Structures are given as C-alpha cells and as structure tokens.
Amino acid sequence: MANKVENPLSMRFVLPEQRELYLQMKEDEKLISVPDIEQDELESFHYIIRDSAREDYAITVTGWGL
C-alpha cells in the first residue's frame, strides 16, 4: 500500500485545488519527453516539409519509435 507522501489523496481532507493539481501532475508524468534532435536532422525535416508544400505532395509523419 502506498504511503501518504506517494498518494496524498489517501488523506482524509483534500482541497479540490490540491486534488486537481495532483491529478494533473499524474497526467504530466505519462507524457513522453521531446527527443533531442541534432541540427542537421532538424534542417532535413524542414527541407522535406517545405519541399512537399512547394511541390504539392503528401508526407507521412510517424512516431519516434513508439
């Protein structure tokens, strides 16, 4: 069983604002951090996107190894 520090909602009296903040923090923990992209990779992405817009062709964007 988790202690009160790990799960403050197990305490008896919790203000609604505290509950919302706790739940938001838990949601934020689920987020995936933005990967570090090297400058040359970023420039390559920009070129592909600009070229697809200029030449009017579709590109497909997929996840980062998810």
PDB file of N, CA and C in Angstrom:
ATOM      1  N   MET A   1       0.841  -1.179   0.000  1.00  0.00           N
ATOM      2  CA  MET A   1       0.000   0.000   0.000  1.00  0.00           C
ATOM      3  C   MET A   1       0.884   1.240   0.000  1.00  0.00           C
ATOM      4  N   ALA A   2       0.551   2.224  -0.806  1.00  0.00           N
ATOM      5  CA  ALA A   2       1.337   3.451  -0.908  1.00  0.00           C
ATOM      6  C   ALA A   2       1.155   4.295   0.348  1.00  0.00           C
ATOM      7  N   ASN A   3       2.222   4.975   0.708  1.00  0.00           N
ATOM      8  CA  ASN A   3       2.104   5.844   1.875  1.00  0.00           C
ATOM      9  C   ASN A   3       1.487   7.178   1.468  1.00  0.00           C
ATOM     10  N   LYS A   4       1.256   8.063   2.434  1.00  0.00           N
ATOM     11  CA  LYS A   4       0.563   9.329   2.180  1.00  0.00           C
ATOM     12  C   LYS A   4       1.398  10.291   1.341  1.00  0.00           C
ATOM     13  N   VAL A   5       2.703  10.165   1.356  1.00  0.00           N
ATOM     14  CA  VAL A   5       3.550  11.028   0.541  1.00  0.00           C
ATOM     15  C   VAL A   5       3.395  10.659  -0.932  1.00  0.00           C
ATOM     16  N   GLU A   6       3.349   9.375  -1.247  1.00  0.00           N
ATOM     17  CA  GLU A   6       3.200   8.928  -2.629  1.00  0.00           C
ATOM     18  C   GLU A   6       1.783   9.153  -3.144  1.00  0.00           C
ATOM     19  N   ASN A   7       0.798   9.067  -2.290  1.00  0.00           N
ATOM     20  CA  ASN A   7      -0.588   9.243  -2.698  1.00  0.00           C
ATOM     21  C   ASN A   7      -1.300  10.154  -1.694  1.00  0.00           C
ATOM     22  N   PRO A   8      -1.193  11.467  -1.893  1.00  0.00           N
ATOM     23  CA  PRO A   8      -1.796  12.381  -0.918  1.00  0.00           C
ATOM     24  C   PRO A   8      -3.320  12.316  -0.905  1.00  0.00           C
ATOM     25  N   LEU A   9      -3.944  11.726  -1.917  1.00  0.00           N
ATOM     26  CA  LEU A   9      -5.401  11.621  -1.918  1.00  0.00           C
ATOM     27  C   LEU A   9      -5.901  10.596  -0.908  1.00  0.00           C
ATOM     28  N   SER A  10      -4.985   9.835  -0.322  1.00  0.00           N
ATOM     29  CA  SER A  10      -5.404   8.868   0.686  1.00  0.00           C
ATOM     30  C   SER A  10      -5.684   9.543   2.028  1.00  0.00           C
ATOM     31  N   MET A  11      -5.281  10.804   2.174  1.00  0.00           N
ATOM     32  CA  MET A  11      -5.572  11.547   3.398  1.00  0.00           C
ATOM     33  C   MET A  11      -7.067  11.869   3.439  1.00  0.00           C
ATOM     34  N   ARG A  12      -7.549  12.197   4.592  1.00  0.00           N
ATOM     35  CA  ARG A  12      -8.981  12.445   4.754  1.00  0.00           C
ATOM     36  C   ARG A  12      -9.449  13.736   4.107  1.00  0.00           C
ATOM     37  N   PHE A  13      -8.733  14.835   4.336  1.00  0.00           N
ATOM     38  CA  PHE A  13      -9.200  16.132   3.868  1.00  0.00           C
ATOM     39  C   PHE A  13      -8.259  16.663   2.790  1.00  0.00           C
ATOM     40  N   VAL A  14      -8.809  16.779   1.595  1.00  0.00           N
ATOM     41  CA  VAL A  14      -8.034  17.294   0.474  1.00  0.00           C
ATOM     42  C   VAL A  14      -8.878  18.363  -0.209  1.00  0.00           C
ATOM     43  N   LEU A  15      -8.290  19.521  -0.389  1.00  0.00           N
ATOM     44  CA  LEU A  15      -8.997  20.594  -1.077  1.00  0.00           C
ATOM     45  C   LEU A  15      -9.146  20.239  -2.558  1.00  0.00           C
ATOM     46  N   PRO A  16     -10.208  20.697  -3.190  1.00  0.00           N
ATOM     47  CA  PRO A  16     -10.396  20.407  -4.614  1.00  0.00           C
ATOM     48  C   PRO A  16      -9.212  20.877  -5.475  1.00  0.00           C
ATOM     49  N   GLU A  17      -8.636  22.019  -5.123  1.00  0.00           N
ATOM     50  CA  GLU A  17      -7.495  22.529  -5.870  1.00  0.00           C
ATOM     51  C   GLU A  17      -6.288  21.592  -5.757  1.00  0.00           C
ATOM     52  N   GLN A  18      -6.104  21.041  -4.547  1.00  0.00           N
ATOM     53  CA  GLN A  18      -4.998  20.110  -4.343  1.00  0.00           C
ATOM     54  C   GLN A  18      -5.219  18.827  -5.140  1.00  0.00           C
ATOM     55  N   ARG A  19      -6.445  18.363  -5.168  1.00  0.00           N
ATOM     56  CA  ARG A  19      -6.776  17.145  -5.912  1.00  0.00           C
ATOM     57  C   ARG A  19      -6.521  17.356  -7.404  1.00  0.00           C
ATOM     58  N   GLU A  20      -6.972  18.495  -7.940  1.00  0.00           N
ATOM     59  CA  GLU A  20      -6.769  18.800  -9.356  1.00  0.00           C
ATOM     60  C   GLU A  20      -5.285  18.884  -9.690  1.00  0.00           C
ATOM     61  N   LEU A  21      -4.515  19.516  -8.830  1.00  0.00           N
ATOM     62  CA  LEU A  21      -3.076  19.635  -9.049  1.00  0.00           C
ATOM     63  C   LEU A  21      -2.412  18.264  -9.037  1.00  0.00           C
ATOM     64  N   TYR A  22      -2.801  17.436  -8.090  1.00  0.00           N
ATOM     65  CA  TYR A  22      -2.239  16.081  -8.000  1.00  0.00           C
ATOM     66  C   TYR A  22      -2.571  15.273  -9.251  1.00  0.00           C
ATOM     67  N   LEU A  23      -3.823  15.327  -9.680  1.00  0.00           N
ATOM     68  CA  LEU A  23      -4.230  14.580 -10.867  1.00  0.00           C
ATOM     69  C   LEU A  23      -3.517  15.094 -12.111  1.00  0.00           C
ATOM     70  N   GLN A  24      -3.318  16.415 -12.209  1.00  0.00           N
ATOM     71  CA  GLN A  24      -2.594  16.989 -13.345  1.00  0.00           C
ATOM     72  C   GLN A  24      -1.136  16.537 -13.330  1.00  0.00           C
ATOM     73  N   MET A  25      -0.533  16.473 -12.157  1.00  0.00           N
ATOM     74  CA  MET A  25       0.850  16.007 -12.050  1.00  0.00           C
ATOM     75  C   MET A  25       0.955  14.558 -12.517  1.00  0.00           C
ATOM     76  N   LYS A  26      -0.010  13.734 -12.151  1.00  0.00           N
ATOM     77  CA  LYS A  26      -0.014  12.329 -12.572  1.00  0.00           C
ATOM     78  C   LYS A  26      -0.162  12.215 -14.085  1.00  0.00           C
ATOM     79  N   GLU A  27      -0.985  13.070 -14.693  1.00  0.00           N
ATOM     80  CA  GLU A  27      -1.144  13.075 -16.149  1.00  0.00           C
ATOM     81  C   GLU A  27       0.151  13.517 -16.821  1.00  0.00           C
ATOM     82  N   ASP A  28       0.811  14.514 -16.245  1.00  0.00           N
ATOM     83  CA  ASP A  28       2.065  15.017 -16.806  1.00  0.00           C
ATOM     84  C   ASP A  28       3.152  13.948 -16.786  1.00  0.00           C
ATOM     85  N   GLU A  29       3.139  13.076 -15.782  1.00  0.00           N
ATOM     86  CA  GLU A  29       4.132  12.006 -15.696  1.00  0.00           C
ATOM     87  C   GLU A  29       3.992  11.014 -16.844  1.00  0.00           C
ATOM     88  N   LYS A  30       2.797  10.909 -17.424  1.00  0.00           N
ATOM     89  CA  LYS A  30       2.547   9.976 -18.514  1.00  0.00           C
ATOM     90  C   LYS A  30       3.078  10.483 -19.855  1.00  0.00           C
ATOM     91  N   LEU A  31       3.344  11.794 -19.941  1.00  0.00           N
ATOM     92  CA  LEU A  31       3.788  12.378 -21.203  1.00  0.00           C
ATOM     93  C   LEU A  31       5.172  11.883 -21.591  1.00  0.00           C
ATOM     94  N   ILE A  32       5.396  11.789 -22.873  1.00  0.00           N
ATOM     95  CA  ILE A  32       6.694  11.385 -23.399  1.00  0.00           C
ATOM     96  C   ILE A  32       7.498  12.643 -23.678  1.00  0.00           C
ATOM     97  N   SER A  33       8.741  12.644 -23.241  1.00  0.00           N
ATOM     98  CA  SER A  33       9.558  13.834 -23.443  1.00  0.00           C
ATOM     99  C   SER A  33       9.933  13.982 -24.920  1.00  0.00           C
ATOM    100  N   VAL A  34      10.174  15.213 -25.308  1.00  0.00           N
ATOM    101  CA  VAL A  34      10.557  15.513 -26.683  1.00  0.00           C
ATOM    102  C   VAL A  34      11.976  14.998 -26.911  1.00  0.00           C
ATOM    103  N   PRO A  35      12.185  14.243 -27.992  1.00  0.00           N
ATOM    104  CA  PRO A  35      13.529  13.722 -28.239  1.00  0.00           C
ATOM    105  C   PRO A  35      14.495  14.835 -28.640  1.00  0.00           C
ATOM    106  N   ASP A  36      15.759  14.643 -28.327  1.00  0.00           N
ATOM    107  CA  ASP A  36      16.784  15.584 -28.749  1.00  0.00           C
ATOM    108  C   ASP A  36      17.083  15.324 -30.219  1.00  0.00           C
ATOM    109  N   ILE A  37      16.960  16.350 -31.036  1.00  0.00           N
ATOM    110  CA  ILE A  37      17.193  16.225 -32.467  1.00  0.00           C
ATOM    111  C   ILE A  37      18.417  17.058 -32.828  1.00  0.00           C
ATOM    112  N   GLU A  38      19.324  16.439 -33.549  1.00  0.00           N
ATOM    113  CA  GLU A  38      20.514  17.154 -33.999  1.00  0.00           C
ATOM    114  C   GLU A  38      20.107  18.219 -35.014  1.00  0.00           C
ATOM    115  N   GLN A  39      20.903  19.257 -35.120  1.00  0.00           N
ATOM    116  CA  GLN A  39      20.599  20.381 -36.001  1.00  0.00           C
ATOM    117  C   GLN A  39      20.464  19.928 -37.461  1.00  0.00           C
ATOM    118  N   ASP A  40      21.340  19.031 -37.920  1.00  0.00           N
ATOM    119  CA  ASP A  40      21.254  18.591 -39.317  1.00  0.00           C
ATOM    120  C   ASP A  40      19.978  17.792 -39.586  1.00  0.00           C
ATOM    121  N   GLU A  41      19.518  17.000 -38.592  1.00  0.00           N
ATOM    122  CA  GLU A  41      18.261  16.269 -38.740  1.00  0.00           C
ATOM    123  C   GLU A  41      17.086  17.239 -38.822  1.00  0.00           C
ATOM    124  N   LEU A  42      17.114  18.253 -37.970  1.00  0.00           N
ATOM    125  CA  LEU A  42      16.053  19.252 -37.954  1.00  0.00           C
ATOM    126  C   LEU A  42      15.990  19.995 -39.284  1.00  0.00           C
ATOM    127  N   GLU A  43      17.142  20.370 -39.805  1.00  0.00           N
ATOM    128  CA  GLU A  43      17.182  21.054 -41.098  1.00  0.00           C
ATOM    129  C   GLU A  43      16.666  20.143 -42.206  1.00  0.00           C
ATOM    130  N   SER A  44      16.956  18.857 -42.127  1.00  0.00           N
ATOM    131  CA  SER A  44      16.461  17.904 -43.115  1.00  0.00           C
ATOM    132  C   SER A  44      14.935  17.811 -43.062  1.00  0.00           C
ATOM    133  N   PHE A  45      14.370  17.779 -41.849  1.00  0.00           N
ATOM    134  CA  PHE A  45      12.915  17.752 -41.691  1.00  0.00           C
ATOM    135  C   PHE A  45      12.290  19.010 -42.293  1.00  0.00           C
ATOM    136  N   HIS A  46      12.899  20.160 -42.008  1.00  0.00           N
ATOM    137  CA  HIS A  46      12.382  21.429 -42.532  1.00  0.00           C
ATOM    138  C   HIS A  46      12.404  21.421 -44.060  1.00  0.00           C
ATOM    139  N   TYR A  47      13.482  20.924 -44.647  1.00  0.00           N
ATOM    140  CA  TYR A  47      13.600  20.877 -46.100  1.00  0.00           C
ATOM    141  C   TYR A  47      12.509  19.978 -46.697  1.00  0.00           C
ATOM    142  N   ILE A  48      12.302  18.812 -46.118  1.00  0.00           N
ATOM    143  CA  ILE A  48      11.290  17.879 -46.618  1.00  0.00           C
ATOM    144  C   ILE A  48       9.896  18.492 -46.543  1.00  0.00           C
ATOM    145  N   ILE A  49       9.604  19.144 -45.440  1.00  0.00           N
ATOM    146  CA  ILE A  49       8.280  19.764 -45.265  1.00  0.00           C
ATOM    147  C   ILE A  49       8.093  20.903 -46.263  1.00  0.00           C
ATOM    148  N   ARG A  50       9.099  21.773 -46.388  1.00  0.00           N
ATOM    149  CA  ARG A  50       8.995  22.886 -47.348  1.00  0.00           C
ATOM    150  C   ARG A  50       8.866  22.373 -48.771  1.00  0.00           C
ATOM    151  N   ASP A  51       9.652  21.357 -49.124  1.00  0.00           N
ATOM    152  CA  ASP A  51       9.617  20.807 -50.467  1.00  0.00           C
ATOM    153  C   ASP A  51       8.262  20.176 -50.764  1.00  0.00           C
ATOM    154  N   SER A  52       7.687  19.478 -49.779  1.00  0.00           N
ATOM    155  CA  SER A  52       6.378  18.853 -50.005  1.00  0.00           C
ATOM    156  C   SER A  52       5.302  19.909 -50.209  1.00  0.00           C
ATOM    157  N   ALA A  53       5.406  21.024 -49.515  1.00  0.00           N
ATOM    158  CA  ALA A  53       4.432  22.103 -49.691  1.00  0.00           C
ATOM    159  C   ALA A  53       4.617  22.777 -51.052  1.00  0.00           C
ATOM    160  N   ARG A  54       5.859  22.981 -51.459  1.00  0.00           N
ATOM    161  CA  ARG A  54       6.151  23.648 -52.734  1.00  0.00           C
ATOM    162  C   ARG A  54       5.754  22.774 -53.909  1.00  0.00           C
ATOM    163  N   GLU A  55       6.072  21.492 -53.845  1.00  0.00           N
ATOM    164  CA  GLU A  55       5.802  20.568 -54.954  1.00  0.00           C
ATOM    165  C   GLU A  55       4.445  19.880 -54.819  1.00  0.00           C
ATOM    166  N   ASP A  56       3.723  20.172 -53.730  1.00  0.00           N
ATOM    167  CA  ASP A  56       2.377  19.666 -53.505  1.00  0.00           C
ATOM    168  C   ASP A  56       2.304  18.135 -53.476  1.00  0.00           C
ATOM    169  N   TYR A  57       3.097  17.525 -52.613  1.00  0.00           N
ATOM    170  CA  TYR A  57       2.982  16.093 -52.384  1.00  0.00           C
ATOM    171  C   TYR A  57       2.868  15.835 -50.888  1.00  0.00           C
ATOM    172  N   ALA A  58       2.256  14.708 -50.563  1.00  0.00           N
ATOM    173  CA  ALA A  58       1.995  14.378 -49.166  1.00  0.00           C
ATOM    174  C   ALA A  58       3.217  13.749 -48.518  1.00  0.00           C
ATOM    175  N   ILE A  59       3.359  13.983 -47.238  1.00  0.00           N
ATOM    176  CA  ILE A  59       4.378  13.314 -46.437  1.00  0.00           C
ATOM    177  C   ILE A  59       3.671  12.627 -45.273  1.00  0.00           C
ATOM    178  N   THR A  60       4.307  11.594 -44.765  1.00  0.00           N
ATOM    179  CA  THR A  60       3.753  10.866 -43.629  1.00  0.00           C
ATOM    180  C   THR A  60       4.671  11.038 -42.434  1.00  0.00           C
ATOM    181  N   VAL A  61       4.087  11.427 -41.312  1.00  0.00           N
ATOM    182  CA  VAL A  61       4.848  11.606 -40.084  1.00  0.00           C
ATOM    183  C   VAL A  61       4.465  10.472 -39.151  1.00  0.00           C
ATOM    184  N   THR A  62       5.455   9.740 -38.667  1.00  0.00           N
ATOM    185  CA  THR A  62       5.206   8.632 -37.746  1.00  0.00           C
ATOM    186  C   THR A  62       5.847   8.917 -36.410  1.00  0.00           C
ATOM    187  N   GLY A  63       5.532   8.089 -35.416  1.00  0.00           N
ATOM    188  CA  GLY A  63       6.064   8.269 -34.063  1.00  0.00           C
ATOM    189  C   GLY A  63       7.564   8.021 -34.005  1.00  0.00           C
ATOM    190  N   TRP A  64       8.133   8.398 -32.892  1.00  0.00           N
ATOM    191  CA  TRP A  64       9.569   8.270 -32.651  1.00  0.00           C
ATOM    192  C   TRP A  64       9.860   6.917 -32.049  1.00  0.00           C
ATOM    193  N   GLY A  65       9.643   5.870 -32.781  1.00  0.00           N
ATOM    194  CA  GLY A  65       9.943   4.523 -32.292  1.00  0.00           C
ATOM    195  C   GLY A  65       8.978   4.056 -31.223  1.00  0.00           C
ATOM    196  N   LEU A  66       7.755   4.545 -31.278  1.00  0.00           N
ATOM    197  CA  LEU A  66       6.755   4.155 -30.293  1.00  0.00           C
ATOM    198  C   LEU A  66       6.134   2.845 -30.667  1.00  0.00           C
TER     199      LEU A  66
END
